């Protein structure tokens, strides 16, 4: 793995999103939305595992990294009453340039293959946090104004223990494309093959997790790899699409 970018500046927090990530500059010259202790350690694991799988599937996800936060930043923020940024490794999603918020009018400009790939992926990793109605929603997409293409962000709600399949089918931004997949046996089989081919790499992805994300101060596991793998391994079980 490449060296972890070190955070050199903390500019504040975003007002959008439940986790309200920190806006930071790093020594690699990039800016990041950084999530740490305040977002919940399990959500960082979800971001990392789902993000790695999304990259393997060539989804246009915003670049991300494990970023190093030094103790000085933790102390500075804690003196202001903000204890959500912990020293050590945090999850950083690179702030994408030339992007704007995604809106319903952009739906027809998304490539059909991308729409199907994303809704199938979200079904696989049990990510129901990508919704959009006629006016409002939370698509967790951006639009790149230079490439005229979508950018995928935020997987902190993947591997949802309370995943609601009927709600997913009704509210996902690309729900119409899920119906297309559900009605096409060959398309379903192709996605099953693609997803199953990534399962052998799960152990390697898990091994990349920082210790403080996976284990607490007492040495107790914060997350269970078997739980995550069971979600992904559904692709090998009958009724995966039901």
Protein backbone atom coordinates (compact mmCIF):
# COMPACT_ATOMS: atom_id res chain seq x y z
CA UNK A 1 0.00 0.00 0.00
CA UNK A 2 1.23 3.52 -0.75
CA UNK A 3 2.23 5.82 2.16
CA UNK A 4 -0.73 7.37 3.91
CA UNK A 5 -1.29 11.06 3.09
CA UNK A 6 -0.74 13.12 6.24
CA UNK A 7 -3.30 15.78 7.13
CA UNK A 8 -1.64 19.20 7.27
CA UNK A 9 -4.68 21.47 7.63
CA UNK A 10 -8.17 21.16 9.08
CA UNK A 11 -10.49 23.82 7.68
CA UNK A 12 -13.72 22.88 9.40
CA UNK A 13 -16.66 20.54 8.97
CA UNK A 14 -19.29 20.23 6.29
CA UNK A 15 -22.89 21.01 7.17
CA UNK A 16 -24.27 18.32 4.89
CA UNK A 17 -24.60 14.65 5.72
CA UNK A 18 -25.15 12.90 9.01
CA UNK A 19 -21.43 12.31 9.62
CA UNK A 20 -20.40 15.92 8.80
CA UNK A 21 -16.87 15.05 7.63
CA UNK A 22 -13.94 17.38 8.18
CA UNK A 23 -12.54 19.34 5.24
CA UNK A 24 -8.78 18.87 5.28
CA UNK A 25 -5.63 19.45 3.27
CA UNK A 26 -2.95 16.76 3.04
CA UNK A 27 0.74 16.59 2.22
CA UNK A 28 0.04 14.89 -1.11
CA UNK A 29 -1.39 18.17 -2.41
CA UNK A 30 -5.02 17.00 -2.34
CA UNK A 31 -7.97 18.01 -0.20
CA UNK A 32 -10.13 15.42 1.54
CA UNK A 33 -13.42 14.96 3.31
CA UNK A 34 -12.19 13.13 6.40
CA UNK A 35 -14.25 10.81 8.59
CA UNK A 36 -12.96 9.56 11.89
CA UNK A 37 -14.22 8.54 15.34
CA UNK A 38 -17.29 10.76 15.12
CA UNK A 39 -18.60 8.91 12.08
CA UNK A 40 -18.37 5.56 13.89
CA UNK A 41 -15.60 3.06 13.33
CA UNK A 42 -17.91 0.57 11.63
CA UNK A 43 -18.91 3.19 9.06
CA UNK A 44 -15.24 3.69 8.16
CA UNK A 45 -14.91 -0.04 7.60
CA UNK A 46 -17.99 0.04 5.38
CA UNK A 47 -16.50 2.93 3.39
CA UNK A 48 -13.22 1.09 2.87
CA UNK A 49 -14.60 -2.35 1.98
CA UNK A 50 -17.36 -1.06 -0.31
CA UNK A 51 -15.02 1.49 -1.87
CA UNK A 52 -12.42 -1.14 -2.72
CA UNK A 53 -15.06 -3.36 -4.29
CA UNK A 54 -16.47 -0.42 -6.26
CA UNK A 55 -13.01 0.29 -7.67
CA UNK A 56 -12.58 -3.36 -8.67
CA UNK A 57 -15.85 -3.07 -10.59
CA UNK A 58 -14.63 0.13 -12.31
CA UNK A 59 -17.39 2.28 -10.86
CA UNK A 60 -16.47 5.99 -11.07
CA UNK A 61 -15.92 6.42 -7.33
CA UNK A 62 -14.15 9.49 -5.97
CA UNK A 63 -10.54 8.61 -5.05
CA UNK A 64 -10.12 7.77 -1.37
CA UNK A 65 -7.37 6.86 1.06
CA UNK A 66 -6.52 6.18 4.66
CA UNK A 67 -5.14 9.49 5.88
CA UNK A 68 -2.92 10.14 8.90
CA UNK A 69 -4.15 12.56 11.57
CA UNK A 70 -1.56 13.67 14.12
CA UNK A 71 -2.23 14.23 17.81
CA UNK A 72 -1.95 18.00 17.48
CA UNK A 73 -5.12 18.21 15.39
CA UNK A 74 -7.01 15.94 17.78
CA UNK A 75 -5.94 18.10 20.73
CA UNK A 76 -6.73 21.38 18.98
CA UNK A 77 -10.26 20.30 18.15
CA UNK A 78 -10.88 18.70 21.54
CA UNK A 79 -10.11 22.02 23.26
CA UNK A 80 -13.02 23.42 21.24
CA UNK A 81 -15.29 20.61 22.37
CA UNK A 82 -15.06 18.59 19.14
CA UNK A 83 -13.81 15.05 19.83
CA UNK A 84 -14.88 13.51 16.53
CA UNK A 85 -11.41 13.59 14.92
CA UNK A 86 -9.05 11.03 16.46
CA UNK A 87 -5.31 10.79 16.04
CA UNK A 88 -4.25 7.91 13.80
CA UNK A 89 -5.67 6.75 10.50
CA UNK A 90 -8.98 8.14 9.25
CA UNK A 91 -10.97 7.68 6.04
CA UNK A 92 -10.44 10.40 3.46
CA UNK A 93 -12.48 10.90 0.31
CA UNK A 94 -10.70 13.23 -2.06
CA UNK A 95 -12.61 16.42 -2.71
CA UNK A 96 -13.45 16.21 -6.39
CA UNK A 97 -12.83 19.26 -8.53
CA UNK A 98 -15.26 20.52 -11.15
CA UNK A 99 -18.26 18.83 -9.54
CA UNK A 100 -21.72 19.90 -8.51
CA UNK A 101 -24.58 18.26 -6.69
CA UNK A 102 -26.55 15.66 -8.57
CA UNK A 103 -30.14 16.55 -9.45
CA UNK A 104 -33.05 14.74 -11.13
CA UNK A 105 -32.50 16.52 -14.45
CA UNK A 106 -29.17 14.68 -14.79
CA UNK A 107 -30.68 11.20 -14.67
CA UNK A 108 -31.12 10.85 -18.45
CA UNK A 109 -27.46 11.79 -18.94
CA UNK A 110 -26.20 8.80 -16.94
CA UNK A 111 -25.09 5.91 -19.15
CA UNK A 112 -27.42 2.88 -19.00
CA UNK A 113 -24.57 0.52 -18.12
CA UNK A 114 -23.51 2.77 -15.25
CA UNK A 115 -27.04 2.92 -13.88
CA UNK A 116 -27.38 -0.85 -13.90
CA UNK A 117 -23.88 -1.39 -12.48
CA UNK A 118 -24.50 0.96 -9.58
CA UNK A 119 -27.91 -0.32 -8.55
CA UNK A 120 -26.70 -3.93 -8.78
CA UNK A 121 -23.64 -3.04 -6.69
CA UNK A 122 -25.72 -1.28 -4.04
CA UNK A 123 -28.00 -4.32 -3.86
CA UNK A 124 -24.99 -6.58 -3.40
CA UNK A 125 -23.41 -4.54 -0.59
CA UNK A 126 -26.79 -3.67 0.95
CA UNK A 127 -26.46 0.06 0.51
CA UNK A 128 -29.89 1.66 0.61
CA UNK A 129 -28.47 5.16 1.00
CA UNK A 130 -28.78 6.31 -2.61
CA UNK A 131 -32.23 7.73 -3.13
CA UNK A 132 -33.72 10.42 -5.34
CA UNK A 133 -37.29 11.41 -6.05
CA UNK A 134 -38.68 13.99 -8.45
CA UNK A 135 -37.41 16.85 -6.29
CA UNK A 136 -35.36 15.71 -3.30
CA UNK A 137 -33.36 12.76 -2.08
CA UNK A 138 -29.89 11.64 -1.09
CA UNK A 139 -28.29 10.14 -4.22
CA UNK A 140 -24.70 10.22 -2.92
CA UNK A 141 -23.59 11.15 -6.40
CA UNK A 142 -21.86 14.21 -7.76
CA UNK A 143 -21.73 15.43 -11.35
CA UNK A 144 -18.39 16.19 -12.96
CA UNK A 145 -18.93 19.26 -15.12
CA UNK A 146 -15.76 18.62 -17.16
CA UNK A 147 -16.30 14.98 -18.05
CA UNK A 148 -20.10 15.28 -18.00
CA UNK A 149 -20.31 12.10 -15.93
CA UNK A 150 -21.36 11.05 -12.42
CA UNK A 151 -19.01 10.57 -9.47
CA UNK A 152 -19.93 8.01 -6.80
CA UNK A 153 -19.42 8.92 -3.13
CA UNK A 154 -20.30 7.75 0.40
CA UNK A 155 -20.66 4.11 1.39
CA UNK A 156 -20.81 4.52 5.15
CA UNK A 157 -24.30 2.98 5.13
CA UNK A 158 -23.32 -0.13 3.18
CA UNK A 159 -23.62 -3.55 4.84
CA UNK A 160 -26.77 -2.25 6.49
CA UNK A 161 -28.00 -4.61 9.21
CA UNK A 162 -31.49 -3.23 8.77
CA UNK A 163 -31.49 -3.33 4.97
CA UNK A 164 -35.06 -3.08 3.65
CA UNK A 165 -35.31 -4.77 0.24
CA UNK A 166 -38.80 -3.45 -0.68
CA UNK A 167 -37.77 0.09 0.24
CA UNK A 168 -34.60 -0.26 -1.87
CA UNK A 169 -36.64 -1.28 -4.91
CA UNK A 170 -38.96 1.68 -4.43
CA UNK A 171 -36.52 4.45 -3.55
CA UNK A 172 -33.11 3.78 -5.16
CA UNK A 173 -32.14 6.44 -7.66
CA UNK A 174 -31.88 3.78 -10.39
CA UNK A 175 -34.80 1.60 -9.29
CA UNK A 176 -36.08 1.36 -12.87
CA UNK A 177 -32.80 -0.24 -13.88
CA UNK A 178 -33.06 -2.74 -11.04
CA UNK A 179 -36.36 -3.86 -12.53
CA UNK A 180 -34.58 -4.37 -15.86
CA UNK A 181 -31.94 -6.56 -14.19
CA UNK A 182 -34.57 -8.53 -12.28
CA UNK A 183 -36.30 -9.39 -15.55
CA UNK A 184 -33.20 -10.44 -17.47
CA UNK A 185 -31.78 -13.85 -16.55
CA UNK A 186 -28.57 -13.40 -18.55
CA UNK A 187 -27.91 -9.98 -17.03
CA UNK A 188 -28.44 -11.33 -13.53
CA UNK A 189 -26.04 -14.18 -14.21
CA UNK A 190 -23.40 -11.76 -15.48
CA UNK A 191 -23.58 -9.65 -12.32
CA UNK A 192 -23.46 -12.76 -10.17
CA UNK A 193 -20.30 -13.85 -11.97
CA UNK A 194 -18.67 -10.44 -11.63
CA UNK A 195 -19.49 -10.11 -7.95
CA UNK A 196 -18.50 -13.68 -7.08
CA UNK A 197 -15.13 -13.18 -8.78
CA UNK A 198 -14.26 -10.54 -6.16
CA UNK A 199 -14.96 -12.72 -3.13
CA UNK A 200 -11.47 -14.30 -3.02
CA UNK A 201 -10.01 -10.81 -2.58
CA UNK A 202 -12.09 -10.00 0.48
CA UNK A 203 -9.45 -11.18 2.95
CA UNK A 204 -6.87 -8.89 1.36
CA UNK A 205 -9.22 -5.90 1.57
CA UNK A 206 -9.96 -6.68 5.21
CA UNK A 207 -6.26 -6.99 6.01
CA UNK A 208 -5.78 -3.37 4.90
CA UNK A 209 -8.00 -2.03 7.71
CA UNK A 210 -6.21 0.03 10.37
CA UNK A 211 -6.18 -1.69 13.73
CA UNK A 212 -8.07 1.10 15.49
CA UNK A 213 -10.99 0.75 13.05
CA UNK A 214 -11.32 -2.97 13.68
CA UNK A 215 -10.27 -3.34 17.35
CA UNK A 216 -11.04 -1.18 20.39
CA UNK A 217 -8.68 -0.08 23.17
CA UNK A 218 -9.35 -3.27 25.13
CA UNK A 219 -8.49 -5.50 22.19
CA UNK A 220 -12.12 -6.37 21.49
CA UNK A 221 -13.25 -6.53 17.86
CA UNK A 222 -15.36 -3.59 16.73
CA UNK A 223 -16.39 -5.39 13.53
CA UNK A 224 -16.74 -8.98 12.41
CA UNK A 225 -15.34 -9.93 8.99
CA UNK A 226 -17.71 -12.91 8.86
CA UNK A 227 -20.68 -10.52 8.97
CA UNK A 228 -19.38 -8.52 6.03
CA UNK A 229 -18.43 -11.59 4.02
CA UNK A 230 -21.87 -13.11 4.60
CA UNK A 231 -23.47 -10.07 2.96
CA UNK A 232 -21.24 -10.43 -0.08
CA UNK A 233 -21.52 -14.20 -0.26
CA UNK A 234 -25.30 -13.93 -0.77
CA UNK A 235 -24.46 -13.71 -4.45
CA UNK A 236 -23.79 -17.46 -4.38
CA UNK A 237 -27.10 -18.27 -2.75
CA UNK A 238 -30.49 -18.94 -4.39
CA UNK A 239 -32.81 -15.95 -4.33
CA UNK A 240 -30.05 -13.35 -4.34
CA UNK A 241 -32.24 -10.96 -6.34
CA UNK A 242 -35.38 -11.52 -4.24
